[in-house]
Amino acid sequence: MEKENARQLAIITSEIQQMAREDQDARIAGDASVTIAVDQKNKERLQIIIKQIGWPSKLKVGEDAAHAAWILVQHADEDLSFQRLCLDLMRAEKKDEVAQEDIAYLDDRIRVSEGQLQLYGTQWKVDKEKGYIPETIDDPENLDQRRADMGMEPFAEYSEAVQKWYEKLSSEQGGIKQYLQKHLGIEQKNAERIKLLKTKDLPKNYQAQRGFFHDERLDGVTLAVIPDDLWVKGSQPSESSAEKELILIKQSYFEAQENPDEIAWLLHELAHCQNFLDFASPEEYQANMQKSAFGDLKIGNRYPNNPVEKFAFTKQFQYLKEQGKSRENIAVMLSGYYNEEDFPFFNKLLDDIFFFSTRAS
């Protein structure tokens, strides 16, 4: 019986962690309808789990999954009664079985949703005149004591960290959106429709492309998901500004449910960013774009026959080969984006990856 219970808890632990990953992926993708659907599905499943085992405490599912369960409840805002139930269950556990800080955050979230004053200062809002500010706090004189009781830092320290995070985020995003506004030739209101995320926060179906490089420098690259009606690159679904560590990708392509980015254009753009970071200066990177990758091709140094594109396409083709794509598969996919006159360049790269490397091994 004990083994059966342990097996059940192991399955539930894994399931809660997977639900939390789906929760984060939905929020990163930025599609409200998908996020709402994921939240509803997760809430319904968590309700069943709670009926089976009670609150998923540290003892039952481990610290990570216990925290993940709290995240799911935090995002069940459409069902306050469920959030209240979970808060009561968390409070009923022994203190070392539930992170007290999680209780504080959930308590504040429920209070603000109900129009009450928060107790711990964890819930914030954007004010057009004042910037990023906390929702009104009850009994502010005793705020630090309440936070200390829950194992939280003094509010002044917390507030400073939150403000710095928001200022950094606003500055980065504001500068990027100004660039995108000019680059795409759009109005500010349309620039605000563009979703920005860091490479390290990519949805799980893109993590293999990120992981291919084993390069932490790329975690800071920004991805701009451009609504289709603002896209200016025609059939090409992506482009990059390596100097700005910025990748632009067409929204419908990025969010495709079937075979997302099958040809790995995102990886291609990440390769450009990595190549740029490897150069000593932007001038050297730009100069390399003016050279020929293969001197015997009739197209000279015209795109794509330059060392910068050679580097990016080589990485892209190596990844696709690892994913099980054949030389013919890749050639067919490329034919949807490039003309016949470009293929002598691609054929040289593909031969090197599929023929010469195989023969050498």
Protein backbone atom coordinates (compact mmCIF):
# COMPACT_ATOMS: atom_id res chain seq x y z
CA MET A 1 0.00 0.00 0.00
CA GLU A 2 2.82 2.38 0.84
CA LYS A 3 4.47 1.69 -2.51
CA GLU A 4 1.18 2.39 -4.29
CA ASN A 5 0.74 5.68 -2.42
CA ALA A 6 4.33 6.66 -3.20
CA ARG A 7 3.77 5.85 -6.87
CA GLN A 8 0.59 7.94 -6.95
CA LEU A 9 2.34 10.89 -5.32
CA ALA A 10 5.23 10.64 -7.78
CA ILE A 11 2.77 10.78 -10.69
CA ILE A 12 0.94 13.75 -9.16
CA THR A 13 4.23 15.53 -8.50
CA SER A 14 5.26 15.21 -12.14
CA GLU A 15 1.82 16.27 -13.30
CA ILE A 16 1.78 19.44 -11.18
CA GLN A 17 5.20 20.45 -12.48
CA GLN A 18 4.06 19.88 -16.06
CA MET A 19 0.94 21.97 -15.45
CA ALA A 20 3.11 24.80 -14.11
CA ARG A 21 5.31 24.64 -17.21
CA GLU A 22 2.24 24.88 -19.42
CA ASP A 23 1.06 27.81 -17.30
CA GLN A 24 4.31 29.70 -17.91
CA ASP A 25 4.47 28.80 -21.61
CA ALA A 26 0.96 30.18 -22.13
CA ARG A 27 1.85 33.46 -20.43
CA ILE A 28 5.06 33.83 -22.39
CA ALA A 29 3.22 33.24 -25.68
CA GLY A 30 0.90 36.08 -24.71
CA ASP A 31 -2.33 34.73 -26.25
CA ALA A 32 -5.08 35.59 -23.74
CA SER A 33 -7.51 32.94 -25.01
CA VAL A 34 -4.87 30.21 -24.66
CA THR A 35 -3.91 31.41 -21.17
CA ILE A 36 -7.54 31.37 -20.01
CA ALA A 37 -8.02 27.85 -21.38
CA VAL A 38 -4.82 26.59 -19.72
CA ASP A 39 -5.79 28.19 -16.39
CA GLN A 40 -9.21 26.56 -16.50
CA LYS A 41 -7.80 23.13 -17.36
CA ASN A 42 -5.15 23.38 -14.65
CA LYS A 43 -7.66 24.50 -12.04
CA GLU A 44 -10.01 21.61 -12.80
CA ARG A 45 -7.20 19.07 -12.55
CA LEU A 46 -5.82 20.62 -9.36
CA GLN A 47 -9.29 20.40 -7.80
CA ILE A 48 -9.27 16.65 -8.43
CA ILE A 49 -5.75 16.31 -7.02
CA ILE A 50 -6.74 18.16 -3.85
CA LYS A 51 -9.72 15.85 -3.39
CA GLN A 52 -7.32 12.91 -3.68
CA ILE A 53 -4.44 14.00 -1.45
CA GLY A 54 -5.40 17.30 0.17
CA TRP A 55 -3.10 20.28 -0.32
CA PRO A 56 0.08 19.27 -2.23
CA SER A 57 2.50 20.00 0.59
CA LYS A 58 6.29 19.68 0.58
CA LEU A 59 6.08 16.31 2.32
CA LYS A 60 3.71 14.92 -0.33
CA VAL A 61 5.12 16.33 -3.56
CA GLY A 62 8.38 18.07 -2.70
CA GLU A 63 9.24 21.76 -2.45
CA ASP A 64 9.26 22.53 -6.18
CA ALA A 65 5.89 20.94 -6.94
CA ALA A 66 4.34 22.46 -3.80
CA HIS A 67 5.40 25.88 -5.06
CA ALA A 68 4.15 25.01 -8.54
CA ALA A 69 0.72 24.15 -7.12
CA TRP A 70 0.60 27.59 -5.50
CA ILE A 71 1.39 29.21 -8.88
CA LEU A 72 -1.59 27.40 -10.41
CA VAL A 73 -3.87 28.67 -7.65
CA GLN A 74 -2.53 32.22 -8.03
CA HIS A 75 -3.66 32.14 -11.64
CA ALA A 76 -7.12 30.73 -10.91
CA ASP A 77 -8.45 34.27 -10.58
CA GLU A 78 -11.78 33.41 -12.20
CA ASP A 79 -12.68 31.21 -9.21
CA LEU A 80 -12.22 33.11 -5.96
CA SER A 81 -13.98 30.42 -3.96
CA PHE A 82 -11.36 27.90 -5.11
CA GLN A 83 -8.56 30.30 -4.21
CA ARG A 84 -10.05 30.82 -0.74
CA LEU A 85 -10.33 27.04 -0.25
CA CYS A 86 -6.68 26.59 -1.20
CA LEU A 87 -5.61 29.41 1.12
CA ASP A 88 -7.42 27.71 4.01
CA LEU A 89 -5.81 24.37 3.15
CA MET A 90 -2.34 25.93 3.00
CA ARG A 91 -2.85 27.63 6.36
CA ALA A 92 -3.97 24.33 7.89
CA GLU A 93 -0.66 22.66 7.00
CA LYS A 94 2.32 22.74 9.33
CA LYS A 95 4.43 25.83 8.76
CA ASP A 96 7.39 23.91 7.36
CA GLU A 97 5.12 22.10 4.88
CA VAL A 98 4.08 25.24 2.97
CA ALA A 99 6.16 28.29 2.06
CA GLN A 100 4.68 31.05 4.22
CA GLU A 101 5.57 33.59 1.55
CA ASP A 102 3.27 31.73 -0.86
CA ILE A 103 0.45 32.10 1.64
CA ALA A 104 1.11 35.85 1.88
CA TYR A 105 1.01 36.31 -1.89
CA LEU A 106 -2.22 34.34 -2.24
CA ASP A 107 -3.82 36.18 0.68
CA ASP A 108 -3.00 39.55 -0.91
CA ARG A 109 -4.20 38.43 -4.33
CA ILE A 110 -7.58 37.36 -2.98
CA ARG A 111 -7.96 40.54 -0.94
CA VAL A 112 -7.23 42.80 -3.92
CA SER A 113 -9.62 40.79 -6.12
CA GLU A 114 -12.34 41.28 -3.49
CA GLY A 115 -11.68 45.03 -3.28
CA GLN A 116 -10.02 44.81 0.15
CA LEU A 117 -6.69 46.22 1.31
CA GLN A 118 -3.72 43.89 1.05
CA LEU A 119 -1.65 42.90 4.09
CA TYR A 120 1.84 42.13 2.72
CA GLY A 121 2.35 44.53 -0.21
CA THR A 122 2.84 41.85 -2.86
CA GLN A 123 0.28 43.08 -5.40
CA TRP A 124 1.25 45.98 -7.68
CA LYS A 125 -0.31 47.98 -10.49
CA VAL A 126 0.72 50.46 -13.18
CA ASP A 127 -0.42 54.03 -12.53
CA LYS A 128 -0.16 56.41 -15.51
CA GLU A 129 1.13 59.24 -13.30
CA LYS A 130 3.04 57.43 -10.55
CA GLY A 131 4.40 54.45 -12.44
CA TYR A 132 4.53 51.00 -10.83
CA ILE A 133 3.02 51.17 -7.35
CA PRO A 134 1.65 48.72 -4.76
CA GLU A 135 -2.06 48.29 -4.27
CA THR A 136 -3.20 50.02 -1.07
CA ILE A 137 -1.83 48.32 2.04
CA ASP A 138 -3.76 47.89 5.29
CA ASP A 139 -2.08 49.02 8.52
CA PRO A 140 1.21 50.03 6.85
CA GLU A 141 2.84 50.75 10.23
CA ASN A 142 2.98 47.04 11.00
CA LEU A 143 3.69 45.89 7.45
CA ASP A 144 7.30 44.85 8.06
CA GLN A 145 6.34 42.81 11.10
CA ARG A 146 3.69 40.94 9.14
CA ARG A 147 6.18 40.29 6.36
CA ALA A 148 8.82 39.10 8.85
CA ASP A 149 6.28 36.68 10.33
CA MET A 150 5.97 35.13 6.84
CA GLY A 151 9.73 34.94 6.27
CA MET A 152 9.78 37.90 3.88
CA GLU A 153 12.29 40.75 3.59
CA PRO A 154 11.41 44.30 4.78
CA PHE A 155 9.07 46.09 2.39
CA ALA A 156 11.61 48.82 1.57
CA GLU A 157 14.05 46.20 0.23
CA TYR A 158 11.31 44.40 -1.67
CA SER A 159 9.96 47.66 -3.10
CA GLU A 160 13.40 48.76 -4.27
CA ALA A 161 13.96 45.46 -6.07
CA VAL A 162 10.52 45.59 -7.72
CA GLN A 163 11.06 49.18 -8.86
CA LYS A 164 14.48 48.39 -10.33
CA TRP A 165 13.05 45.40 -12.16
CA TYR A 166 10.19 47.47 -13.58
CA GLU A 167 12.44 50.37 -14.59
CA LYS A 168 14.88 48.02 -16.33
CA LEU A 169 12.04 46.23 -18.10
CA SER A 170 10.37 49.49 -19.15
CA SER A 171 13.65 50.97 -20.40
CA GLU A 172 14.60 47.88 -22.40
CA GLN A 173 11.16 47.38 -23.88
CA GLY A 174 10.67 51.08 -24.56
CA GLY A 175 13.94 51.30 -26.50
CA ILE A 176 13.21 48.15 -28.47
CA LYS A 177 9.70 49.25 -29.34
CA GLN A 178 10.96 52.64 -30.48
CA TYR A 179 13.35 50.84 -32.82
CA LEU A 180 10.58 48.52 -34.05
CA GLN A 181 8.26 51.48 -34.63
CA LYS A 182 10.82 53.05 -36.95
CA HIS A 183 11.99 49.78 -38.53
CA LEU A 184 8.46 48.60 -39.36
CA GLY A 185 7.12 52.06 -40.17
CA ILE A 186 4.25 51.81 -37.71
CA GLU A 187 2.51 54.06 -35.20
CA GLN A 188 3.22 53.84 -31.47
CA LYS A 189 -0.16 52.26 -30.74
CA ASN A 190 0.72 49.39 -33.08
CA ALA A 191 4.19 49.03 -31.57
CA GLU A 192 2.49 48.38 -28.23
CA ARG A 193 0.83 45.31 -29.76
CA ILE A 194 4.22 43.63 -30.23
CA LYS A 195 5.06 41.03 -27.60
CA LEU A 196 8.61 40.88 -26.28
CA LEU A 197 10.29 38.00 -24.47
CA LYS A 198 13.80 36.86 -23.66
CA THR A 199 15.27 33.75 -25.27
CA LYS A 200 15.57 32.10 -21.86
CA ASP A 201 11.78 32.38 -21.54
CA LEU A 202 10.93 30.73 -24.85
CA PRO A 203 8.02 28.25 -24.85
CA LYS A 204 9.06 24.64 -24.40
CA ASN A 205 8.63 23.76 -28.09
CA TYR A 206 11.49 26.18 -28.86
CA GLN A 207 13.82 25.23 -26.03
CA ALA A 208 15.64 22.62 -28.13
CA GLN A 209 16.74 25.34 -30.53
CA ARG A 210 17.96 27.52 -27.67
CA GLY A 211 19.73 24.58 -26.01
CA PHE A 212 21.53 23.63 -29.23
CA PHE A 213 24.04 26.44 -28.71
CA HIS A 214 24.98 25.82 -25.07
CA ASP A 215 25.64 29.57 -24.91
CA GLU A 216 24.30 31.51 -21.93
CA ARG A 217 25.00 34.79 -23.71
CA LEU A 218 21.99 34.10 -25.92
CA ASP A 219 19.62 34.06 -22.94
CA GLY A 220 19.58 37.87 -23.08
CA VAL A 221 18.51 38.05 -26.73
CA THR A 222 15.05 39.61 -27.12
CA LEU A 223 12.40 38.05 -29.33
CA ALA A 224 9.77 40.40 -30.80
CA VAL A 225 6.61 38.59 -31.90
CA ILE A 226 5.16 40.76 -34.65
CA PRO A 227 1.40 40.65 -35.46
CA ASP A 228 0.85 39.45 -39.01
CA ASP A 229 -0.67 42.74 -40.20
CA LEU A 230 2.54 44.56 -39.17
CA TRP A 231 4.96 42.07 -40.77
CA VAL A 232 7.04 43.53 -43.63
CA LYS A 233 9.26 40.60 -44.70
CA GLY A 234 6.74 38.83 -46.91
CA SER A 235 7.01 35.04 -46.84
CA GLN A 236 10.20 35.08 -44.78
CA PRO A 237 8.98 34.48 -41.20
CA SER A 238 11.94 35.92 -39.28
CA GLU A 239 14.79 38.40 -39.29
CA SER A 240 17.35 39.59 -36.79
CA SER A 241 19.28 42.66 -35.76
CA ALA A 242 22.27 40.91 -34.23
CA GLU A 243 23.82 44.22 -33.15
CA LYS A 244 20.75 44.88 -31.00
CA GLU A 245 20.52 41.22 -29.89
CA LEU A 246 16.99 41.30 -31.29
CA ILE A 247 15.03 38.75 -33.30
CA LEU A 248 11.77 39.54 -35.10
CA ILE A 249 9.39 36.70 -35.90
CA LYS A 250 5.94 36.63 -37.50
CA GLN A 251 3.25 35.90 -34.91
CA SER A 252 1.26 33.25 -36.82
CA TYR A 253 4.50 31.41 -37.63
CA PHE A 254 5.78 31.57 -34.05
CA GLU A 255 2.48 30.40 -32.53
CA ALA A 256 1.73 27.65 -35.08
CA GLN A 257 0.35 24.58 -33.33
CA GLU A 258 1.46 22.00 -35.92
CA ASN A 259 5.19 21.60 -36.65
CA PRO A 260 6.16 24.99 -35.20
CA ASP A 261 9.24 26.40 -36.94
CA GLU A 262 9.98 23.08 -38.61
CA ILE A 263 12.86 24.60 -40.57
CA ALA A 264 14.36 26.27 -37.44
CA TRP A 265 14.40 29.91 -38.55
CA LEU A 266 14.56 30.99 -34.93
CA LEU A 267 17.77 29.01 -34.50
CA HIS A 268 19.12 30.65 -37.67
CA GLU A 269 18.57 34.11 -36.13
CA LEU A 270 20.09 33.01 -32.82
CA ALA A 271 23.15 31.90 -34.77
CA HIS A 272 23.44 35.42 -36.17
CA CYS A 273 23.37 36.80 -32.63
CA GLN A 274 25.99 34.31 -31.46
CA ASN A 275 28.22 35.13 -34.42
CA PHE A 276 27.95 38.85 -33.68
CA LEU A 277 28.87 38.28 -30.02
CA ASP A 278 31.95 36.35 -31.13
CA PHE A 279 33.35 39.32 -33.04
CA ALA A 280 35.56 41.92 -31.39
CA SER A 281 33.54 44.81 -32.80
CA PRO A 282 30.36 45.55 -34.79
CA GLU A 283 32.58 46.82 -37.61
CA GLU A 284 34.27 43.43 -37.99
CA TYR A 285 30.88 41.71 -38.10
CA GLN A 286 29.59 44.11 -40.75
CA ALA A 287 32.80 43.75 -42.81
CA ASN A 288 32.33 39.97 -42.83
CA MET A 289 28.92 40.44 -44.43
CA GLN A 290 30.60 42.08 -47.43
CA LYS A 291 32.91 39.12 -48.14
CA SER A 292 32.21 35.98 -50.17
CA ALA A 293 31.85 32.67 -48.38
CA PHE A 294 32.61 30.69 -51.56
CA GLY A 295 34.72 32.44 -54.19
CA ASP A 296 33.78 30.06 -57.00
CA LEU A 297 30.06 30.91 -57.01
CA LYS A 298 28.72 33.13 -59.79
CA ILE A 299 26.64 35.22 -57.38
CA GLY A 300 29.82 36.67 -55.84
CA ASN A 301 29.21 38.15 -52.40
CA ARG A 302 25.50 38.63 -52.98
CA TYR A 303 23.19 37.22 -50.29
CA PRO A 304 23.38 34.54 -49.06
CA ASN A 305 27.00 33.95 -50.11
CA ASN A 306 28.82 35.61 -47.22
CA PRO A 307 30.54 34.22 -44.09
CA VAL A 308 27.82 35.54 -41.76
CA GLU A 309 25.07 33.63 -43.56
CA LYS A 310 27.33 30.62 -43.98
CA PHE A 311 27.73 30.46 -40.19
CA ALA A 312 23.98 30.81 -39.55
CA PHE A 313 22.85 28.32 -42.20
CA THR A 314 25.50 25.81 -41.12
CA LYS A 315 24.17 25.90 -37.54
CA GLN A 316 20.61 25.64 -38.84
CA PHE A 317 21.36 22.63 -41.05
CA GLN A 318 23.39 20.88 -38.33
CA TYR A 319 20.45 21.23 -35.96
CA LEU A 320 17.96 19.95 -38.54
CA LYS A 321 20.21 16.96 -39.20
CA GLU A 322 20.25 16.20 -35.47
CA GLN A 323 16.44 16.38 -35.54
CA GLY A 324 16.35 13.65 -38.15
CA LYS A 325 15.86 15.76 -41.26
CA SER A 326 17.51 14.43 -44.42
CA ARG A 327 19.42 16.49 -46.94
CA GLU A 328 16.43 16.21 -49.28
CA ASN A 329 14.01 17.32 -46.54
CA ILE A 330 16.00 20.48 -45.96
CA ALA A 331 16.36 21.25 -49.65
CA VAL A 332 12.60 20.95 -50.15
CA MET A 333 11.91 23.26 -47.22
CA LEU A 334 14.42 25.81 -48.51
CA SER A 335 12.76 25.80 -51.93
CA GLY A 336 9.76 27.49 -50.35
CA TYR A 337 11.89 30.52 -49.50
CA TYR A 338 14.73 30.72 -52.06
CA ASN A 339 15.27 30.75 -55.81
CA GLU A 340 17.18 28.18 -57.84
CA GLU A 341 20.14 30.53 -58.24
CA ASP A 342 20.68 30.47 -54.46
CA PHE A 343 21.04 26.69 -54.28
CA PRO A 344 24.70 26.35 -55.28
CA PHE A 345 25.44 28.06 -51.95
CA PHE A 346 23.08 25.81 -50.00
CA ASN A 347 24.30 22.68 -51.79
CA LYS A 348 27.86 23.34 -50.69
CA LEU A 349 26.78 23.60 -47.07
CA LEU A 350 24.51 20.58 -47.24
CA ASP A 351 27.19 18.47 -48.92
CA ASP A 352 29.65 19.42 -46.22
CA ILE A 353 27.21 18.50 -43.44
CA PHE A 354 25.63 15.37 -44.93
CA PHE A 355 28.36 13.97 -47.19
CA PHE A 356 31.82 15.05 -46.15
CA SER A 357 31.18 14.92 -42.38
CA THR A 358 29.58 11.47 -42.73
CA ARG A 359 32.46 10.16 -44.89
CA ALA A 360 35.01 11.53 -42.43
CA SER A 361 33.35 9.77 -39.54
